[in-house]
Amino acid sequence: MQIKTLVASLAFGSLLMACGGMETEESVVQTPSIVTSEQPLCEGWDDGARRCSFKCTSTSTWLTLTDNVPKGGCQDRANHYCGRTAYGACWSF
């Protein structure tokens, strides 16, 4: 009886190795939001920041508008400036 158990265990282990085993959730890559990845720049309106900063693409540089942008209007202003949906927009000092 013990030999059958040993052979069955080895066969099952071989199948797992051949199929790659169980998948884990480590393969899921989460991209941080622009607010967390660019935290030194993005402060937020509620924290007192009043300048609208934005990037048109992920590889472009940050631009900061010097004119007055109303609360809630940063993304719209960035989209207008870029001519498309801006990659990211946030409030900065």
PDB file of N, CA and C in Angstrom:
ATOM      1  N   MET A   1       0.819  -1.193   0.000  1.00  0.00           N
ATOM      2  CA  MET A   1       0.000   0.000   0.000  1.00  0.00           C
ATOM      3  C   MET A   1       0.861   1.255   0.000  1.00  0.00           C
ATOM      4  N   GLN A   2       1.992   1.234   0.675  1.00  0.00           N
ATOM      5  CA  GLN A   2       2.843   2.408   0.723  1.00  0.00           C
ATOM      6  C   GLN A   2       3.507   2.682  -0.619  1.00  0.00           C
ATOM      7  N   ILE A   3       3.781   1.655  -1.386  1.00  0.00           N
ATOM      8  CA  ILE A   3       4.400   1.844  -2.702  1.00  0.00           C
ATOM      9  C   ILE A   3       3.413   2.515  -3.645  1.00  0.00           C
ATOM     10  N   LYS A   4       2.117   2.126  -3.568  1.00  0.00           N
ATOM     11  CA  LYS A   4       1.100   2.760  -4.401  1.00  0.00           C
ATOM     12  C   LYS A   4       1.003   4.254  -4.072  1.00  0.00           C
ATOM     13  N   THR A   5       1.040   4.586  -2.802  1.00  0.00           N
ATOM     14  CA  THR A   5       0.980   5.987  -2.380  1.00  0.00           C
ATOM     15  C   THR A   5       2.195   6.757  -2.883  1.00  0.00           C
ATOM     16  N   LEU A   6       3.360   6.148  -2.799  1.00  0.00           N
ATOM     17  CA  LEU A   6       4.588   6.787  -3.262  1.00  0.00           C
ATOM     18  C   LEU A   6       4.546   7.015  -4.767  1.00  0.00           C
ATOM     19  N   VAL A   7       4.116   6.002  -5.520  1.00  0.00           N
ATOM     20  CA  VAL A   7       4.043   6.119  -6.981  1.00  0.00           C
ATOM     21  C   VAL A   7       3.013   7.175  -7.370  1.00  0.00           C
ATOM     22  N   ALA A   8       1.866   7.187  -6.691  1.00  0.00           N
ATOM     23  CA  ALA A   8       0.827   8.179  -6.988  1.00  0.00           C
ATOM     24  C   ALA A   8       1.328   9.587  -6.676  1.00  0.00           C
ATOM     25  N   SER A   9       2.043   9.750  -5.574  1.00  0.00           N
ATOM     26  CA  SER A   9       2.588  11.063  -5.208  1.00  0.00           C
ATOM     27  C   SER A   9       3.600  11.538  -6.240  1.00  0.00           C
ATOM     28  N   LEU A  10       4.476  10.643  -6.674  1.00  0.00           N
ATOM     29  CA  LEU A  10       5.474  11.010  -7.688  1.00  0.00           C
ATOM     30  C   LEU A  10       4.811  11.356  -9.015  1.00  0.00           C
ATOM     31  N   ALA A  11       3.790  10.602  -9.399  1.00  0.00           N
ATOM     32  CA  ALA A  11       3.080  10.881 -10.648  1.00  0.00           C
ATOM     33  C   ALA A  11       2.389  12.236 -10.583  1.00  0.00           C
ATOM     34  N   PHE A  12       1.728  12.500  -9.476  1.00  0.00           N
ATOM     35  CA  PHE A  12       1.046  13.784  -9.313  1.00  0.00           C
ATOM     36  C   PHE A  12       2.050  14.943  -9.309  1.00  0.00           C
ATOM     37  N   GLY A  13       3.167  14.769  -8.616  1.00  0.00           N
ATOM     38  CA  GLY A  13       4.204  15.797  -8.589  1.00  0.00           C
ATOM     39  C   GLY A  13       4.790  16.045  -9.969  1.00  0.00           C
ATOM     40  N   SER A  14       4.959  14.986 -10.745  1.00  0.00           N
ATOM     41  CA  SER A  14       5.479  15.129 -12.107  1.00  0.00           C
ATOM     42  C   SER A  14       4.506  15.908 -12.982  1.00  0.00           C
ATOM     43  N   LEU A  15       3.206  15.639 -12.820  1.00  0.00           N
ATOM     44  CA  LEU A  15       2.207  16.378 -13.591  1.00  0.00           C
ATOM     45  C   LEU A  15       2.223  17.868 -13.236  1.00  0.00           C
ATOM     46  N   LEU A  16       2.341  18.156 -11.969  1.00  0.00           N
ATOM     47  CA  LEU A  16       2.389  19.561 -11.553  1.00  0.00           C
ATOM     48  C   LEU A  16       3.612  20.267 -12.133  1.00  0.00           C
ATOM     49  N   MET A  17       4.745  19.594 -12.110  1.00  0.00           N
ATOM     50  CA  MET A  17       5.961  20.200 -12.663  1.00  0.00           C
ATOM     51  C   MET A  17       5.834  20.391 -14.165  1.00  0.00           C
ATOM     52  N   ALA A  18       5.226  19.452 -14.861  1.00  0.00           N
ATOM     53  CA  ALA A  18       5.077  19.546 -16.308  1.00  0.00           C
ATOM     54  C   ALA A  18       4.118  20.667 -16.695  1.00  0.00           C
ATOM     55  N   CYS A  19       3.101  20.885 -15.890  1.00  0.00           N
ATOM     56  CA  CYS A  19       2.110  21.920 -16.201  1.00  0.00           C
ATOM     57  C   CYS A  19       2.497  23.281 -15.644  1.00  0.00           C
ATOM     58  N   GLY A  20       3.537  23.362 -14.880  1.00  0.00           N
ATOM     59  CA  GLY A  20       3.956  24.644 -14.335  1.00  0.00           C
ATOM     60  C   GLY A  20       3.448  24.904 -12.934  1.00  0.00           C
ATOM     61  N   GLY A  21       2.673  24.038 -12.389  1.00  0.00           N
ATOM     62  CA  GLY A  21       2.191  24.241 -11.024  1.00  0.00           C
ATOM     63  C   GLY A  21       1.060  25.242 -10.964  1.00  0.00           C
ATOM     64  N   MET A  22       0.751  25.660  -9.767  1.00  0.00           N
ATOM     65  CA  MET A  22      -0.339  26.604  -9.556  1.00  0.00           C
ATOM     66  C   MET A  22       0.119  28.020  -9.882  1.00  0.00           C
ATOM     67  N   GLU A  23      -0.803  28.796 -10.439  1.00  0.00           N
ATOM     68  CA  GLU A  23      -0.498  30.202 -10.706  1.00  0.00           C
ATOM     69  C   GLU A  23      -0.728  30.995  -9.441  1.00  0.00           C
ATOM     70  N   THR A  24       0.114  31.983  -9.237  1.00  0.00           N
ATOM     71  CA  THR A  24      -0.064  32.878  -8.100  1.00  0.00           C
ATOM     72  C   THR A  24      -0.437  34.256  -8.614  1.00  0.00           C
ATOM     73  N   GLU A  25      -0.886  35.116  -7.745  1.00  0.00           N
ATOM     74  CA  GLU A  25      -1.274  36.463  -8.136  1.00  0.00           C
ATOM     75  C   GLU A  25      -0.089  37.408  -8.209  1.00  0.00           C
ATOM     76  N   GLU A  26       1.122  36.890  -8.022  1.00  0.00           N
ATOM     77  CA  GLU A  26       2.304  37.734  -8.102  1.00  0.00           C
ATOM     78  C   GLU A  26       2.551  38.224  -9.516  1.00  0.00           C
ATOM     79  N   SER A  27       2.004  37.513 -10.512  1.00  0.00           N
ATOM     80  CA  SER A  27       2.223  37.899 -11.896  1.00  0.00           C
ATOM     81  C   SER A  27       1.411  39.133 -12.284  1.00  0.00           C
ATOM     82  N   VAL A  28       0.439  39.525 -11.463  1.00  0.00           N
ATOM     83  CA  VAL A  28      -0.359  40.708 -11.733  1.00  0.00           C
ATOM     84  C   VAL A  28       0.450  41.941 -11.357  1.00  0.00           C
ATOM     85  N   VAL A  29       0.660  42.816 -12.337  1.00  0.00           N
ATOM     86  CA  VAL A  29       1.423  44.036 -12.103  1.00  0.00           C
ATOM     87  C   VAL A  29       0.445  45.193 -12.012  1.00  0.00           C
ATOM     88  N   GLN A  30       0.505  45.915 -10.924  1.00  0.00           N
ATOM     89  CA  GLN A  30      -0.375  47.065 -10.760  1.00  0.00           C
ATOM     90  C   GLN A  30       0.415  48.338 -11.043  1.00  0.00           C
ATOM     91  N   THR A  31      -0.143  49.170 -11.905  1.00  0.00           N
ATOM     92  CA  THR A  31       0.480  50.434 -12.222  1.00  0.00           C
ATOM     93  C   THR A  31      -0.015  51.477 -11.229  1.00  0.00           C
ATOM     94  N   PRO A  32       0.896  52.152 -10.550  1.00  0.00           N
ATOM     95  CA  PRO A  32       0.438  53.155  -9.592  1.00  0.00           C
ATOM     96  C   PRO A  32      -0.219  54.333 -10.298  1.00  0.00           C
ATOM     97  N   SER A  33      -1.174  54.943  -9.633  1.00  0.00           N
ATOM     98  CA  SER A  33      -1.811  56.102 -10.229  1.00  0.00           C
ATOM     99  C   SER A  33      -0.824  57.262 -10.255  1.00  0.00           C
ATOM    100  N   ILE A  34      -1.115  58.242 -11.054  1.00  0.00           N
ATOM    101  CA  ILE A  34      -0.194  59.367 -11.213  1.00  0.00           C
ATOM    102  C   ILE A  34      -0.038  60.139  -9.912  1.00  0.00           C
ATOM    103  N   VAL A  35      -1.080  60.149  -9.097  1.00  0.00           N
ATOM    104  CA  VAL A  35      -0.998  60.888  -7.837  1.00  0.00           C
ATOM    105  C   VAL A  35       0.004  60.225  -6.891  1.00  0.00           C
ATOM    106  N   THR A  36       0.035  58.893  -6.851  1.00  0.00           N
ATOM    107  CA  THR A  36       0.971  58.236  -5.948  1.00  0.00           C
ATOM    108  C   THR A  36       2.374  58.175  -6.522  1.00  0.00           C
ATOM    109  N   SER A  37       2.497  58.012  -7.841  1.00  0.00           N
ATOM    110  CA  SER A  37       3.833  57.907  -8.421  1.00  0.00           C
ATOM    111  C   SER A  37       4.510  59.266  -8.545  1.00  0.00           C
ATOM    112  N   GLU A  38       3.752  60.337  -8.598  1.00  0.00           N
ATOM    113  CA  GLU A  38       4.308  61.682  -8.743  1.00  0.00           C
ATOM    114  C   GLU A  38       4.011  62.515  -7.494  1.00  0.00           C
ATOM    115  N   GLN A  39       3.986  61.876  -6.341  1.00  0.00           N
ATOM    116  CA  GLN A  39       3.569  62.532  -5.103  1.00  0.00           C
ATOM    117  C   GLN A  39       4.319  63.822  -4.783  1.00  0.00           C
ATOM    118  N   PRO A  40       5.626  63.947  -5.016  1.00  0.00           N
ATOM    119  CA  PRO A  40       6.282  65.216  -4.691  1.00  0.00           C
ATOM    120  C   PRO A  40       5.696  66.402  -5.455  1.00  0.00           C
ATOM    121  N   LEU A  41       5.084  66.166  -6.608  1.00  0.00           N
ATOM    122  CA  LEU A  41       4.516  67.241  -7.402  1.00  0.00           C
ATOM    123  C   LEU A  41       3.037  67.446  -7.092  1.00  0.00           C
ATOM    124  N   CYS A  42       2.277  66.381  -7.009  1.00  0.00           N
ATOM    125  CA  CYS A  42       0.828  66.452  -6.862  1.00  0.00           C
ATOM    126  C   CYS A  42       0.432  66.568  -5.398  1.00  0.00           C
ATOM    127  N   GLU A  43      -0.044  67.722  -5.023  1.00  0.00           N
ATOM    128  CA  GLU A  43      -0.405  67.971  -3.623  1.00  0.00           C
ATOM    129  C   GLU A  43      -1.906  67.965  -3.405  1.00  0.00           C
ATOM    130  N   GLY A  44      -2.676  68.470  -4.313  1.00  0.00           N
ATOM    131  CA  GLY A  44      -4.125  68.472  -4.185  1.00  0.00           C
ATOM    132  C   GLY A  44      -4.681  69.817  -3.751  1.00  0.00           C
ATOM    133  N   TRP A  45      -5.840  70.155  -4.271  1.00  0.00           N
ATOM    134  CA  TRP A  45      -6.512  71.427  -3.985  1.00  0.00           C
ATOM    135  C   TRP A  45      -6.821  71.547  -2.498  1.00  0.00           C
ATOM    136  N   ASP A  46      -7.262  70.460  -1.892  1.00  0.00           N
ATOM    137  CA  ASP A  46      -7.646  70.500  -0.474  1.00  0.00           C
ATOM    138  C   ASP A  46      -6.459  70.763   0.443  1.00  0.00           C
ATOM    139  N   ASP A  47      -5.250  70.487  -0.023  1.00  0.00           N
ATOM    140  CA  ASP A  47      -4.048  70.763   0.771  1.00  0.00           C
ATOM    141  C   ASP A  47      -3.473  72.150   0.487  1.00  0.00           C
ATOM    142  N   GLY A  48      -4.174  72.942  -0.321  1.00  0.00           N
ATOM    143  CA  GLY A  48      -3.752  74.314  -0.571  1.00  0.00           C
ATOM    144  C   GLY A  48      -3.077  74.562  -1.903  1.00  0.00           C
ATOM    145  N   ALA A  49      -2.874  73.540  -2.697  1.00  0.00           N
ATOM    146  CA  ALA A  49      -2.237  73.721  -4.009  1.00  0.00           C
ATOM    147  C   ALA A  49      -3.219  74.409  -4.954  1.00  0.00           C
ATOM    148  N   ARG A  50      -2.736  75.379  -5.713  1.00  0.00           N
ATOM    149  CA  ARG A  50      -3.620  76.147  -6.585  1.00  0.00           C
ATOM    150  C   ARG A  50      -3.102  76.263  -8.024  1.00  0.00           C
ATOM    151  N   ARG A  51      -2.041  75.548  -8.354  1.00  0.00           N
ATOM    152  CA  ARG A  51      -1.513  75.600  -9.718  1.00  0.00           C
ATOM    153  C   ARG A  51      -1.779  74.267 -10.402  1.00  0.00           C
ATOM    154  N   CYS A  52      -2.250  74.321 -11.617  1.00  0.00           N
ATOM    155  CA  CYS A  52      -2.581  73.122 -12.376  1.00  0.00           C
ATOM    156  C   CYS A  52      -1.334  72.631 -13.118  1.00  0.00           C
ATOM    157  N   SER A  53      -0.875  71.435 -12.792  1.00  0.00           N
ATOM    158  CA  SER A  53       0.266  70.823 -13.470  1.00  0.00           C
ATOM    159  C   SER A  53      -0.229  69.607 -14.240  1.00  0.00           C
ATOM    160  N   PHE A  54       0.358  69.358 -15.416  1.00  0.00           N
ATOM    161  CA  PHE A  54      -0.111  68.241 -16.223  1.00  0.00           C
ATOM    162  C   PHE A  54       0.974  67.740 -17.164  1.00  0.00           C
ATOM    163  N   LYS A  55       0.742  66.525 -17.661  1.00  0.00           N
ATOM    164  CA  LYS A  55       1.580  65.897 -18.677  1.00  0.00           C
ATOM    165  C   LYS A  55       0.658  65.480 -19.817  1.00  0.00           C
ATOM    166  N   CYS A  56       1.044  65.785 -21.045  1.00  0.00           N
ATOM    167  CA  CYS A  56       0.224  65.376 -22.193  1.00  0.00           C
ATOM    168  C   CYS A  56       0.404  63.892 -22.496  1.00  0.00           C
ATOM    169  N   THR A  57       1.627  63.383 -22.347  1.00  0.00           N
ATOM    170  CA  THR A  57       1.919  61.967 -22.564  1.00  0.00           C
ATOM    171  C   THR A  57       2.764  61.465 -21.394  1.00  0.00           C
ATOM    172  N   SER A  58       2.928  60.165 -21.316  1.00  0.00           N
ATOM    173  CA  SER A  58       3.697  59.601 -20.206  1.00  0.00           C
ATOM    174  C   SER A  58       5.168  59.982 -20.280  1.00  0.00           C
ATOM    175  N   THR A  59       5.666  60.296 -21.470  1.00  0.00           N
ATOM    176  CA  THR A  59       7.083  60.634 -21.619  1.00  0.00           C
ATOM    177  C   THR A  59       7.339  62.135 -21.675  1.00  0.00           C
ATOM    178  N   SER A  60       6.297  62.940 -21.705  1.00  0.00           N
ATOM    179  CA  SER A  60       6.499  64.389 -21.757  1.00  0.00           C
ATOM    180  C   SER A  60       6.851  64.925 -20.374  1.00  0.00           C
ATOM    181  N   THR A  61       7.291  66.165 -20.346  1.00  0.00           N
ATOM    182  CA  THR A  61       7.633  66.794 -19.074  1.00  0.00           C
ATOM    183  C   THR A  61       6.379  67.416 -18.457  1.00  0.00           C
ATOM    184  N   TRP A  62       6.463  67.676 -17.160  1.00  0.00           N
ATOM    185  CA  TRP A  62       5.356  68.334 -16.465  1.00  0.00           C
ATOM    186  C   TRP A  62       5.315  69.802 -16.863  1.00  0.00           C
ATOM    187  N   LEU A  63       4.138  70.292 -17.150  1.00  0.00           N
ATOM    188  CA  LEU A  63       3.902  71.703 -17.440  1.00  0.00           C
ATOM    189  C   LEU A  63       3.007  72.250 -16.344  1.00  0.00           C
ATOM    190  N   THR A  64       3.251  73.484 -15.933  1.00  0.00           N
ATOM    191  CA  THR A  64       2.439  74.118 -14.897  1.00  0.00           C
ATOM    192  C   THR A  64       1.861  75.400 -15.448  1.00  0.00           C
ATOM    193  N   LEU A  65       0.539  75.530 -15.348  1.00  0.00           N
ATOM    194  CA  LEU A  65      -0.137  76.734 -15.829  1.00  0.00           C
ATOM    195  C   LEU A  65      -0.028  77.833 -14.783  1.00  0.00           C
ATOM    196  N   THR A  66       0.236  79.041 -15.246  1.00  0.00           N
ATOM    197  CA  THR A  66       0.364  80.168 -14.324  1.00  0.00           C
ATOM    198  C   THR A  66      -0.936  80.964 -14.201  1.00  0.00           C
ATOM    199  N   ASP A  67      -1.884  80.729 -15.115  1.00  0.00           N
ATOM    200  CA  ASP A  67      -3.150  81.454 -15.021  1.00  0.00           C
ATOM    201  C   ASP A  67      -4.063  80.783 -14.002  1.00  0.00           C
ATOM    202  N   ASN A  68      -5.101  81.491 -13.599  1.00  0.00           N
ATOM    203  CA  ASN A  68      -6.028  80.977 -12.596  1.00  0.00           C
ATOM    204  C   ASN A  68      -6.911  79.898 -13.208  1.00  0.00           C
ATOM    205  N   VAL A  69      -6.899  78.744 -12.596  1.00  0.00           N
ATOM    206  CA  VAL A  69      -7.745  77.631 -13.023  1.00  0.00           C
ATOM    207  C   VAL A  69      -8.705  77.360 -11.874  1.00  0.00           C
ATOM    208  N   PRO A  70     -10.012  77.346 -12.138  1.00  0.00           N
ATOM    209  CA  PRO A  70     -10.963  77.136 -11.039  1.00  0.00           C
ATOM    210  C   PRO A  70     -10.895  75.716 -10.494  1.00  0.00           C
ATOM    211  N   LYS A  71     -11.347  75.552  -9.271  1.00  0.00           N
ATOM    212  CA  LYS A  71     -11.368  74.222  -8.638  1.00  0.00           C
ATOM    213  C   LYS A  71     -12.162  73.264  -9.524  1.00  0.00           C
ATOM    214  N   GLY A  72     -11.603  72.100  -9.755  1.00  0.00           N
ATOM    215  CA  GLY A  72     -12.248  71.098 -10.595  1.00  0.00           C
ATOM    216  C   GLY A  72     -11.989  71.276 -12.078  1.00  0.00           C
ATOM    217  N   GLY A  73     -11.256  72.317 -12.468  1.00  0.00           N
ATOM    218  CA  GLY A  73     -11.047  72.588 -13.885  1.00  0.00           C
ATOM    219  C   GLY A  73      -9.677  72.206 -14.416  1.00  0.00           C
ATOM    220  N   CYS A  74      -8.841  71.608 -13.587  1.00  0.00           N
ATOM    221  CA  CYS A  74      -7.472  71.300 -14.004  1.00  0.00           C
ATOM    222  C   CYS A  74      -7.437  70.281 -15.145  1.00  0.00           C
ATOM    223  N   GLN A  75      -8.179  69.202 -15.024  1.00  0.00           N
ATOM    224  CA  GLN A  75      -8.164  68.174 -16.079  1.00  0.00           C
ATOM    225  C   GLN A  75      -8.705  68.729 -17.383  1.00  0.00           C
ATOM    226  N   ASP A  76      -9.785  69.513 -17.331  1.00  0.00           N
ATOM    227  CA  ASP A  76     -10.352  70.096 -18.543  1.00  0.00           C
ATOM    228  C   ASP A  76      -9.372  71.057 -19.214  1.00  0.00           C
ATOM    229  N   ARG A  77      -8.705  71.866 -18.420  1.00  0.00           N
ATOM    230  CA  ARG A  77      -7.734  72.812 -18.967  1.00  0.00           C
ATOM    231  C   ARG A  77      -6.545  72.070 -19.586  1.00  0.00           C
ATOM    232  N   ALA A  78      -6.097  71.010 -18.926  1.00  0.00           N
ATOM    233  CA  ALA A  78      -4.993  70.210 -19.454  1.00  0.00           C
ATOM    234  C   ALA A  78      -5.397  69.544 -20.770  1.00  0.00           C
ATOM    235  N   ASN A  79      -6.597  68.991 -20.828  1.00  0.00           N
ATOM    236  CA  ASN A  79      -7.083  68.375 -22.064  1.00  0.00           C
ATOM    237  C   ASN A  79      -7.133  69.388 -23.195  1.00  0.00           C
ATOM    238  N   HIS A  80      -7.591  70.594 -22.898  1.00  0.00           N
ATOM    239  CA  HIS A  80      -7.661  71.650 -23.913  1.00  0.00           C
ATOM    240  C   HIS A  80      -6.259  72.013 -24.404  1.00  0.00           C
ATOM    241  N   TYR A  81      -5.316  72.155 -23.495  1.00  0.00           N
ATOM    242  CA  TYR A  81      -3.951  72.526 -23.858  1.00  0.00           C
ATOM    243  C   TYR A  81      -3.289  71.432 -24.699  1.00  0.00           C
ATOM    244  N   CYS A  82      -3.496  70.173 -24.318  1.00  0.00           N
ATOM    245  CA  CYS A  82      -2.867  69.055 -25.031  1.00  0.00           C
ATOM    246  C   CYS A  82      -3.563  68.742 -26.356  1.00  0.00           C
ATOM    247  N   GLY A  83      -4.823  69.134 -26.483  1.00  0.00           N
ATOM    248  CA  GLY A  83      -5.564  68.814 -27.690  1.00  0.00           C
ATOM    249  C   GLY A  83      -6.107  67.393 -27.672  1.00  0.00           C
ATOM    250  N   ARG A  84      -6.010  66.737 -26.563  1.00  0.00           N
ATOM    251  CA  ARG A  84      -6.500  65.370 -26.352  1.00  0.00           C
ATOM    252  C   ARG A  84      -6.558  65.148 -24.851  1.00  0.00           C
ATOM    253  N   THR A  85      -6.962  63.970 -24.434  1.00  0.00           N
ATOM    254  CA  THR A  85      -6.996  63.681 -23.000  1.00  0.00           C
ATOM    255  C   THR A  85      -5.572  63.657 -22.468  1.00  0.00           C
ATOM    256  N   ALA A  86      -5.307  64.494 -21.495  1.00  0.00           N
ATOM    257  CA  ALA A  86      -3.968  64.574 -20.912  1.00  0.00           C
ATOM    258  C   ALA A  86      -3.643  63.280 -20.170  1.00  0.00           C
ATOM    259  N   TYR A  87      -2.379  62.909 -20.175  1.00  0.00           N
ATOM    260  CA  TYR A  87      -1.936  61.717 -19.467  1.00  0.00           C
ATOM    261  C   TYR A  87      -2.216  61.845 -17.972  1.00  0.00           C
ATOM    262  N   GLY A  88      -1.989  63.019 -17.422  1.00  0.00           N
ATOM    263  CA  GLY A  88      -2.254  63.245 -16.007  1.00  0.00           C
ATOM    264  C   GLY A  88      -2.316  64.719 -15.712  1.00  0.00           C
ATOM    265  N   ALA A  89      -3.142  65.073 -14.744  1.00  0.00           N
ATOM    266  CA  ALA A  89      -3.265  66.462 -14.314  1.00  0.00           C
ATOM    267  C   ALA A  89      -3.509  66.463 -12.820  1.00  0.00           C
ATOM    268  N   CYS A  90      -2.871  67.400 -12.118  1.00  0.00           N
ATOM    269  CA  CYS A  90      -3.067  67.474 -10.678  1.00  0.00           C
ATOM    270  C   CYS A  90      -2.719  68.874 -10.187  1.00  0.00           C
ATOM    271  N   TRP A  91      -3.078  69.139  -8.936  1.00  0.00           N
ATOM    272  CA  TRP A  91      -2.822  70.431  -8.323  1.00  0.00           C
ATOM    273  C   TRP A  91      -1.471  70.411  -7.635  1.00  0.00           C
ATOM    274  N   SER A  92      -0.678  71.465  -7.850  1.00  0.00           N
ATOM    275  CA  SER A  92       0.647  71.564  -7.241  1.00  0.00           C
ATOM    276  C   SER A  92       0.849  72.963  -6.697  1.00  0.00           C
ATOM    277  N   PHE A  93       1.906  73.134  -5.915  1.00  0.00           N
ATOM    278  CA  PHE A  93       2.241  74.445  -5.352  1.00  0.00           C
ATOM    279  C   PHE A  93       3.070  75.247  -6.323  1.00  0.00           C
TER     280      PHE A  93
END
